[in-house]
Amino acid sequence: MGGSWVFARQIKKKTRRWKQGGGVTISVGPSAEAFYGSQFVELGTVKQAANSWLEPAFSANKAQVMDRFKARLREKIKAASK
């Protein structure tokens, strides 16, 4: 749990709901700190070679990641629509 909690702090979520029309928008992405850290390591820089870890890890676990994401998204949509 400790590791996932630290990771969760680096994920920023923003939800907007419109009363008129019932629309909902959810944005999910890394914090600025996590974005720059992951991009520089993953893609490299002019002075540092790329050391890809995120894409290979996602590819190896894609089905599990997507199933969990869909389940949580359904929960959040259901809660937001109440």
PDB file of N, CA and C in Angstrom:
ATOM      1  N   MET A   1       0.819  -1.200   0.000  1.00  0.00           N
ATOM      2  CA  MET A   1       0.000   0.000   0.000  1.00  0.00           C
ATOM      3  C   MET A   1       0.855   1.253   0.000  1.00  0.00           C
ATOM      4  N   GLY A   2       1.980   1.241   0.700  1.00  0.00           N
ATOM      5  CA  GLY A   2       2.825   2.423   0.789  1.00  0.00           C
ATOM      6  C   GLY A   2       3.281   2.935  -0.552  1.00  0.00           C
ATOM      7  N   GLY A   3       3.713   2.003  -1.415  1.00  0.00           N
ATOM      8  CA  GLY A   3       4.195   2.406  -2.729  1.00  0.00           C
ATOM      9  C   GLY A   3       3.104   2.999  -3.590  1.00  0.00           C
ATOM     10  N   SER A   4       1.920   2.394  -3.569  1.00  0.00           N
ATOM     11  CA  SER A   4       0.830   2.900  -4.393  1.00  0.00           C
ATOM     12  C   SER A   4       0.341   4.254  -3.876  1.00  0.00           C
ATOM     13  N   TRP A   5       0.424   4.475  -2.560  1.00  0.00           N
ATOM     14  CA  TRP A   5       0.027   5.768  -2.007  1.00  0.00           C
ATOM     15  C   TRP A   5       0.955   6.865  -2.514  1.00  0.00           C
ATOM     16  N   VAL A   6       2.251   6.595  -2.516  1.00  0.00           N
ATOM     17  CA  VAL A   6       3.210   7.587  -3.007  1.00  0.00           C
ATOM     18  C   VAL A   6       2.952   7.852  -4.476  1.00  0.00           C
ATOM     19  N   PHE A   7       2.705   6.801  -5.246  1.00  0.00           N
ATOM     20  CA  PHE A   7       2.415   6.960  -6.666  1.00  0.00           C
ATOM     21  C   PHE A   7       1.143   7.767  -6.867  1.00  0.00           C
ATOM     22  N   ALA A   8       0.126   7.479  -6.075  1.00  0.00           N
ATOM     23  CA  ALA A   8      -1.158   8.162  -6.207  1.00  0.00           C
ATOM     24  C   ALA A   8      -1.020   9.666  -5.994  1.00  0.00           C
ATOM     25  N   ARG A   9      -0.086  10.087  -5.163  1.00  0.00           N
ATOM     26  CA  ARG A   9       0.118  11.526  -4.939  1.00  0.00           C
ATOM     27  C   ARG A   9       0.599  12.215  -6.208  1.00  0.00           C
ATOM     28  N   GLN A  10       1.202  11.483  -7.121  1.00  0.00           N
ATOM     29  CA  GLN A  10       1.742  12.073  -8.339  1.00  0.00           C
ATOM     30  C   GLN A  10       0.720  12.121  -9.478  1.00  0.00           C
ATOM     31  N   ILE A  11      -0.459  11.568  -9.244  1.00  0.00           N
ATOM     32  CA  ILE A  11      -1.523  11.584 -10.243  1.00  0.00           C
ATOM     33  C   ILE A  11      -2.513  12.681  -9.878  1.00  0.00           C
ATOM     34  N   LYS A  12      -2.739  13.579 -10.802  1.00  0.00           N
ATOM     35  CA  LYS A  12      -3.686  14.675 -10.581  1.00  0.00           C
ATOM     36  C   LYS A  12      -4.975  14.376 -11.341  1.00  0.00           C
ATOM     37  N   LYS A  13      -6.096  14.581 -10.671  1.00  0.00           N
ATOM     38  CA  LYS A  13      -7.403  14.324 -11.261  1.00  0.00           C
ATOM     39  C   LYS A  13      -8.246  15.591 -11.157  1.00  0.00           C
ATOM     40  N   LYS A  14      -8.986  15.854 -12.210  1.00  0.00           N
ATOM     41  CA  LYS A  14      -9.871  17.014 -12.208  1.00  0.00           C
ATOM     42  C   LYS A  14     -11.191  16.581 -12.836  1.00  0.00           C
ATOM     43  N   THR A  15     -12.276  16.816 -12.130  1.00  0.00           N
ATOM     44  CA  THR A  15     -13.606  16.436 -12.614  1.00  0.00           C
ATOM     45  C   THR A  15     -14.455  17.686 -12.752  1.00  0.00           C
ATOM     46  N   ARG A  16     -15.131  17.814 -13.879  1.00  0.00           N
ATOM     47  CA  ARG A  16     -16.068  18.916 -14.090  1.00  0.00           C
ATOM     48  C   ARG A  16     -17.409  18.321 -14.475  1.00  0.00           C
ATOM     49  N   ARG A  17     -18.451  18.831 -13.869  1.00  0.00           N
ATOM     50  CA  ARG A  17     -19.798  18.350 -14.165  1.00  0.00           C
ATOM     51  C   ARG A  17     -20.661  19.556 -14.500  1.00  0.00           C
ATOM     52  N   TRP A  18     -21.448  19.430 -15.562  1.00  0.00           N
ATOM     53  CA  TRP A  18     -22.355  20.490 -15.970  1.00  0.00           C
ATOM     54  C   TRP A  18     -23.770  20.110 -15.572  1.00  0.00           C
ATOM     55  N   LYS A  19     -24.431  21.027 -14.895  1.00  0.00           N
ATOM     56  CA  LYS A  19     -25.815  20.767 -14.490  1.00  0.00           C
ATOM     57  C   LYS A  19     -26.723  20.751 -15.713  1.00  0.00           C
ATOM     58  N   GLN A  20     -26.415  21.605 -16.670  1.00  0.00           N
ATOM     59  CA  GLN A  20     -27.212  21.672 -17.878  1.00  0.00           C
ATOM     60  C   GLN A  20     -26.675  20.630 -18.872  1.00  0.00           C
ATOM     61  N   GLY A  21     -27.493  19.692 -19.257  1.00  0.00           N
ATOM     62  CA  GLY A  21     -27.065  18.681 -20.216  1.00  0.00           C
ATOM     63  C   GLY A  21     -26.453  17.449 -19.574  1.00  0.00           C
ATOM     64  N   GLY A  22     -26.095  17.516 -18.293  1.00  0.00           N
ATOM     65  CA  GLY A  22     -25.582  16.353 -17.581  1.00  0.00           C
ATOM     66  C   GLY A  22     -24.224  15.867 -18.023  1.00  0.00           C
ATOM     67  N   GLY A  23     -23.407  16.712 -18.601  1.00  0.00           N
ATOM     68  CA  GLY A  23     -22.087  16.301 -19.065  1.00  0.00           C
ATOM     69  C   GLY A  23     -21.066  16.237 -17.947  1.00  0.00           C
ATOM     70  N   VAL A  24     -20.114  15.334 -18.104  1.00  0.00           N
ATOM     71  CA  VAL A  24     -19.025  15.185 -17.144  1.00  0.00           C
ATOM     72  C   VAL A  24     -17.721  15.066 -17.920  1.00  0.00           C
ATOM     73  N   THR A  25     -16.692  15.774 -17.464  1.00  0.00           N
ATOM     74  CA  THR A  25     -15.358  15.653 -18.033  1.00  0.00           C
ATOM     75  C   THR A  25     -14.398  15.300 -16.911  1.00  0.00           C
ATOM     76  N   ILE A  26     -13.580  14.282 -17.133  1.00  0.00           N
ATOM     77  CA  ILE A  26     -12.586  13.882 -16.146  1.00  0.00           C
ATOM     78  C   ILE A  26     -11.223  13.915 -16.809  1.00  0.00           C
ATOM     79  N   SER A  27     -10.311  14.654 -16.225  1.00  0.00           N
ATOM     80  CA  SER A  27      -8.944  14.719 -16.725  1.00  0.00           C
ATOM     81  C   SER A  27      -8.030  14.036 -15.723  1.00  0.00           C
ATOM     82  N   VAL A  28      -7.157  13.169 -16.221  1.00  0.00           N
ATOM     83  CA  VAL A  28      -6.226  12.446 -15.366  1.00  0.00           C
ATOM     84  C   VAL A  28      -4.844  12.585 -15.974  1.00  0.00           C
ATOM     85  N   GLY A  29      -3.862  12.893 -15.138  1.00  0.00           N
ATOM     86  CA  GLY A  29      -2.504  13.027 -15.645  1.00  0.00           C
ATOM     87  C   GLY A  29      -1.506  13.174 -14.524  1.00  0.00           C
ATOM     88  N   PRO A  30      -0.244  13.173 -14.879  1.00  0.00           N
ATOM     89  CA  PRO A  30       0.795  13.282 -13.861  1.00  0.00           C
ATOM     90  C   PRO A  30       0.923  14.703 -13.332  1.00  0.00           C
ATOM     91  N   SER A  31       1.404  14.811 -12.100  1.00  0.00           N
ATOM     92  CA  SER A  31       1.732  16.134 -11.573  1.00  0.00           C
ATOM     93  C   SER A  31       2.896  16.678 -12.380  1.00  0.00           C
ATOM     94  N   ALA A  32       3.157  17.963 -12.265  1.00  0.00           N
ATOM     95  CA  ALA A  32       4.268  18.561 -13.020  1.00  0.00           C
ATOM     96  C   ALA A  32       5.591  17.889 -12.650  1.00  0.00           C
ATOM     97  N   GLU A  33       5.784  17.621 -11.375  1.00  0.00           N
ATOM     98  CA  GLU A  33       7.024  16.977 -10.917  1.00  0.00           C
ATOM     99  C   GLU A  33       7.182  15.591 -11.545  1.00  0.00           C
ATOM    100  N   ALA A  34       6.129  14.811 -11.519  1.00  0.00           N
ATOM    101  CA  ALA A  34       6.180  13.464 -12.088  1.00  0.00           C
ATOM    102  C   ALA A  34       6.319  13.511 -13.600  1.00  0.00           C
ATOM    103  N   PHE A  35       5.670  14.471 -14.242  1.00  0.00           N
ATOM    104  CA  PHE A  35       5.753  14.583 -15.701  1.00  0.00           C
ATOM    105  C   PHE A  35       7.189  14.803 -16.148  1.00  0.00           C
ATOM    106  N   TYR A  36       7.836  15.810 -15.588  1.00  0.00           N
ATOM    107  CA  TYR A  36       9.199  16.104 -16.016  1.00  0.00           C
ATOM    108  C   TYR A  36      10.163  14.985 -15.652  1.00  0.00           C
ATOM    109  N   GLY A  37      10.018  14.433 -14.468  1.00  0.00           N
ATOM    110  CA  GLY A  37      10.894  13.337 -14.056  1.00  0.00           C
ATOM    111  C   GLY A  37      10.751  12.131 -14.961  1.00  0.00           C
ATOM    112  N   SER A  38       9.500  11.773 -15.244  1.00  0.00           N
ATOM    113  CA  SER A  38       9.282  10.593 -16.084  1.00  0.00           C
ATOM    114  C   SER A  38       9.688  10.853 -17.528  1.00  0.00           C
ATOM    115  N   GLN A  39       9.429  12.036 -18.035  1.00  0.00           N
ATOM    116  CA  GLN A  39       9.782  12.331 -19.426  1.00  0.00           C
ATOM    117  C   GLN A  39      11.285  12.340 -19.645  1.00  0.00           C
ATOM    118  N   PHE A  40      12.025  12.937 -18.736  1.00  0.00           N
ATOM    119  CA  PHE A  40      13.473  12.997 -18.904  1.00  0.00           C
ATOM    120  C   PHE A  40      14.105  11.614 -18.818  1.00  0.00           C
ATOM    121  N   VAL A  41      13.598  10.777 -17.936  1.00  0.00           N
ATOM    122  CA  VAL A  41      14.135   9.418 -17.809  1.00  0.00           C
ATOM    123  C   VAL A  41      13.654   8.559 -18.970  1.00  0.00           C
ATOM    124  N   GLU A  42      12.376   8.615 -19.258  1.00  0.00           N
ATOM    125  CA  GLU A  42      11.778   7.756 -20.295  1.00  0.00           C
ATOM    126  C   GLU A  42      12.306   8.084 -21.693  1.00  0.00           C
ATOM    127  N   LEU A  43      12.327   9.357 -22.034  1.00  0.00           N
ATOM    128  CA  LEU A  43      12.690   9.759 -23.388  1.00  0.00           C
ATOM    129  C   LEU A  43      14.119  10.233 -23.531  1.00  0.00           C
ATOM    130  N   GLY A  44      14.751  10.548 -22.414  1.00  0.00           N
ATOM    131  CA  GLY A  44      16.119  11.050 -22.460  1.00  0.00           C
ATOM    132  C   GLY A  44      16.167  12.541 -22.777  1.00  0.00           C
ATOM    133  N   THR A  45      17.358  13.076 -22.756  1.00  0.00           N
ATOM    134  CA  THR A  45      17.588  14.480 -23.080  1.00  0.00           C
ATOM    135  C   THR A  45      18.806  14.545 -23.996  1.00  0.00           C
ATOM    136  N   VAL A  46      19.193  15.733 -24.338  1.00  0.00           N
ATOM    137  CA  VAL A  46      20.394  15.898 -25.157  1.00  0.00           C
ATOM    138  C   VAL A  46      21.615  15.353 -24.412  1.00  0.00           C
ATOM    139  N   LYS A  47      21.612  15.471 -23.086  1.00  0.00           N
ATOM    140  CA  LYS A  47      22.764  15.059 -22.282  1.00  0.00           C
ATOM    141  C   LYS A  47      22.591  13.701 -21.605  1.00  0.00           C
ATOM    142  N   GLN A  48      21.405  13.104 -21.696  1.00  0.00           N
ATOM    143  CA  GLN A  48      21.147  11.847 -21.006  1.00  0.00           C
ATOM    144  C   GLN A  48      20.401  10.897 -21.936  1.00  0.00           C
ATOM    145  N   ALA A  49      20.898   9.686 -22.062  1.00  0.00           N
ATOM    146  CA  ALA A  49      20.244   8.684 -22.895  1.00  0.00           C
ATOM    147  C   ALA A  49      18.916   8.266 -22.264  1.00  0.00           C
ATOM    148  N   ALA A  50      17.988   7.860 -23.108  1.00  0.00           N
ATOM    149  CA  ALA A  50      16.697   7.386 -22.623  1.00  0.00           C
ATOM    150  C   ALA A  50      16.869   6.092 -21.835  1.00  0.00           C
ATOM    151  N   ASN A  51      16.090   5.965 -20.785  1.00  0.00           N
ATOM    152  CA  ASN A  51      16.073   4.748 -19.976  1.00  0.00           C
ATOM    153  C   ASN A  51      14.600   4.371 -19.785  1.00  0.00           C
ATOM    154  N   SER A  52      14.010   3.835 -20.873  1.00  0.00           N
ATOM    155  CA  SER A  52      12.572   3.545 -20.888  1.00  0.00           C
ATOM    156  C   SER A  52      12.194   2.514 -19.840  1.00  0.00           C
ATOM    157  N   TRP A  53      11.166   2.835 -19.086  1.00  0.00           N
ATOM    158  CA  TRP A  53      10.627   1.914 -18.092  1.00  0.00           C
ATOM    159  C   TRP A  53       9.107   1.966 -18.077  1.00  0.00           C
ATOM    160  N   LEU A  54       8.542   3.132 -18.330  1.00  0.00           N
ATOM    161  CA  LEU A  54       7.105   3.297 -18.232  1.00  0.00           C
ATOM    162  C   LEU A  54       6.367   2.549 -19.343  1.00  0.00           C
ATOM    163  N   GLU A  55       6.779   2.758 -20.567  1.00  0.00           N
ATOM    164  CA  GLU A  55       6.099   2.113 -21.689  1.00  0.00           C
ATOM    165  C   GLU A  55       6.228   0.599 -21.633  1.00  0.00           C
ATOM    166  N   PRO A  56       7.416   0.034 -21.378  1.00  0.00           N
ATOM    167  CA  PRO A  56       7.509  -1.425 -21.262  1.00  0.00           C
ATOM    168  C   PRO A  56       6.663  -1.979 -20.100  1.00  0.00           C
ATOM    169  N   ALA A  57       6.624  -1.276 -18.982  1.00  0.00           N
ATOM    170  CA  ALA A  57       5.825  -1.731 -17.833  1.00  0.00           C
ATOM    171  C   ALA A  57       4.337  -1.689 -18.170  1.00  0.00           C
ATOM    172  N   PHE A  58       3.903  -0.618 -18.836  1.00  0.00           N
ATOM    173  CA  PHE A  58       2.498  -0.517 -19.232  1.00  0.00           C
ATOM    174  C   PHE A  58       2.146  -1.611 -20.233  1.00  0.00           C
ATOM    175  N   SER A  59       2.979  -1.811 -21.231  1.00  0.00           N
ATOM    176  CA  SER A  59       2.720  -2.828 -22.256  1.00  0.00           C
ATOM    177  C   SER A  59       2.604  -4.219 -21.642  1.00  0.00           C
ATOM    178  N   ALA A  60       3.446  -4.522 -20.674  1.00  0.00           N
ATOM    179  CA  ALA A  60       3.439  -5.843 -20.038  1.00  0.00           C
ATOM    180  C   ALA A  60       2.188  -6.065 -19.183  1.00  0.00           C
ATOM    181  N   ASN A  61       1.566  -4.982 -18.728  1.00  0.00           N
ATOM    182  CA  ASN A  61       0.410  -5.080 -17.825  1.00  0.00           C
ATOM    183  C   ASN A  61      -0.831  -4.379 -18.373  1.00  0.00           C
ATOM    184  N   LYS A  62      -0.851  -4.137 -19.671  1.00  0.00           N
ATOM    185  CA  LYS A  62      -1.892  -3.311 -20.276  1.00  0.00           C
ATOM    186  C   LYS A  62      -3.310  -3.805 -19.969  1.00  0.00           C
ATOM    187  N   ALA A  63      -3.558  -5.095 -20.111  1.00  0.00           N
ATOM    188  CA  ALA A  63      -4.911  -5.616 -19.874  1.00  0.00           C
ATOM    189  C   ALA A  63      -5.349  -5.362 -18.434  1.00  0.00           C
ATOM    190  N   GLN A  64      -4.483  -5.630 -17.469  1.00  0.00           N
ATOM    191  CA  GLN A  64      -4.814  -5.399 -16.056  1.00  0.00           C
ATOM    192  C   GLN A  64      -5.034  -3.919 -15.774  1.00  0.00           C
ATOM    193  N   VAL A  65      -4.167  -3.088 -16.328  1.00  0.00           N
ATOM    194  CA  VAL A  65      -4.267  -1.638 -16.109  1.00  0.00           C
ATOM    195  C   VAL A  65      -5.586  -1.121 -16.661  1.00  0.00           C
ATOM    196  N   MET A  66      -5.921  -1.516 -17.871  1.00  0.00           N
ATOM    197  CA  MET A  66      -7.150  -1.031 -18.495  1.00  0.00           C
ATOM    198  C   MET A  66      -8.394  -1.555 -17.774  1.00  0.00           C
ATOM    199  N   ASP A  67      -8.378  -2.812 -17.340  1.00  0.00           N
ATOM    200  CA  ASP A  67      -9.516  -3.357 -16.599  1.00  0.00           C
ATOM    201  C   ASP A  67      -9.732  -2.597 -15.292  1.00  0.00           C
ATOM    202  N   ARG A  68      -8.657  -2.329 -14.584  1.00  0.00           N
ATOM    203  CA  ARG A  68      -8.771  -1.601 -13.318  1.00  0.00           C
ATOM    204  C   ARG A  68      -9.225  -0.157 -13.549  1.00  0.00           C
ATOM    205  N   PHE A  69      -8.677   0.472 -14.587  1.00  0.00           N
ATOM    206  CA  PHE A  69      -9.063   1.842 -14.920  1.00  0.00           C
ATOM    207  C   PHE A  69     -10.553   1.910 -15.248  1.00  0.00           C
ATOM    208  N   LYS A  70     -11.031   0.968 -16.071  1.00  0.00           N
ATOM    209  CA  LYS A  70     -12.454   0.961 -16.445  1.00  0.00           C
ATOM    210  C   LYS A  70     -13.348   0.760 -15.227  1.00  0.00           C
ATOM    211  N   ALA A  71     -12.964  -0.155 -14.355  1.00  0.00           N
ATOM    212  CA  ALA A  71     -13.765  -0.420 -13.157  1.00  0.00           C
ATOM    213  C   ALA A  71     -13.840   0.822 -12.268  1.00  0.00           C
ATOM    214  N   ARG A  72     -12.717   1.466 -12.042  1.00  0.00           N
ATOM    215  CA  ARG A  72     -12.705   2.672 -11.195  1.00  0.00           C
ATOM    216  C   ARG A  72     -13.467   3.811 -11.859  1.00  0.00           C
ATOM    217  N   LEU A  73     -13.338   3.921 -13.174  1.00  0.00           N
ATOM    218  CA  LEU A  73     -14.053   4.972 -13.892  1.00  0.00           C
ATOM    219  C   LEU A  73     -15.556   4.756 -13.789  1.00  0.00           C
ATOM    220  N   ARG A  74     -16.014   3.519 -13.921  1.00  0.00           N
ATOM    221  CA  ARG A  74     -17.438   3.213 -13.753  1.00  0.00           C
ATOM    222  C   ARG A  74     -17.919   3.619 -12.359  1.00  0.00           C
ATOM    223  N   GLU A  75     -17.112   3.286 -11.323  1.00  0.00           N
ATOM    224  CA  GLU A  75     -17.467   3.651  -9.957  1.00  0.00           C
ATOM    225  C   GLU A  75     -17.613   5.163  -9.809  1.00  0.00           C
ATOM    226  N   LYS A  76     -16.632   5.885 -10.345  1.00  0.00           N
ATOM    227  CA  LYS A  76     -16.644   7.351 -10.221  1.00  0.00           C
ATOM    228  C   LYS A  76     -17.814   7.966 -10.982  1.00  0.00           C
ATOM    229  N   ILE A  77     -18.107   7.441 -12.172  1.00  0.00           N
ATOM    230  CA  ILE A  77     -19.229   7.965 -12.951  1.00  0.00           C
ATOM    231  C   ILE A  77     -20.539   7.709 -12.217  1.00  0.00           C
ATOM    232  N   LYS A  78     -20.682   6.518 -11.675  1.00  0.00           N
ATOM    233  CA  LYS A  78     -21.890   6.170 -10.933  1.00  0.00           C
ATOM    234  C   LYS A  78     -22.064   7.093  -9.724  1.00  0.00           C
ATOM    235  N   ALA A  79     -20.964   7.332  -8.998  1.00  0.00           N
ATOM    236  CA  ALA A  79     -21.028   8.217  -7.827  1.00  0.00           C
ATOM    237  C   ALA A  79     -21.342   9.655  -8.240  1.00  0.00           C
ATOM    238  N   ALA A  80     -20.764  10.109  -9.345  1.00  0.00           N
ATOM    239  CA  ALA A  80     -20.981  11.493  -9.791  1.00  0.00           C
ATOM    240  C   ALA A  80     -22.393  11.705 -10.318  1.00  0.00           C
ATOM    241  N   SER A  81     -23.004  10.639 -10.806  1.00  0.00           N
ATOM    242  CA  SER A  81     -24.348  10.796 -11.392  1.00  0.00           C
ATOM    243  C   SER A  81     -25.457  10.737 -10.347  1.00  0.00           C
ATOM    244  N   LYS A  82     -25.120  10.444  -9.106  1.00  0.00           N
ATOM    245  CA  LYS A  82     -26.143  10.383  -8.048  1.00  0.00           C
ATOM    246  C   LYS A  82     -26.567  11.765  -7.600  1.00  0.00           C
TER     247      LYS A  82
END
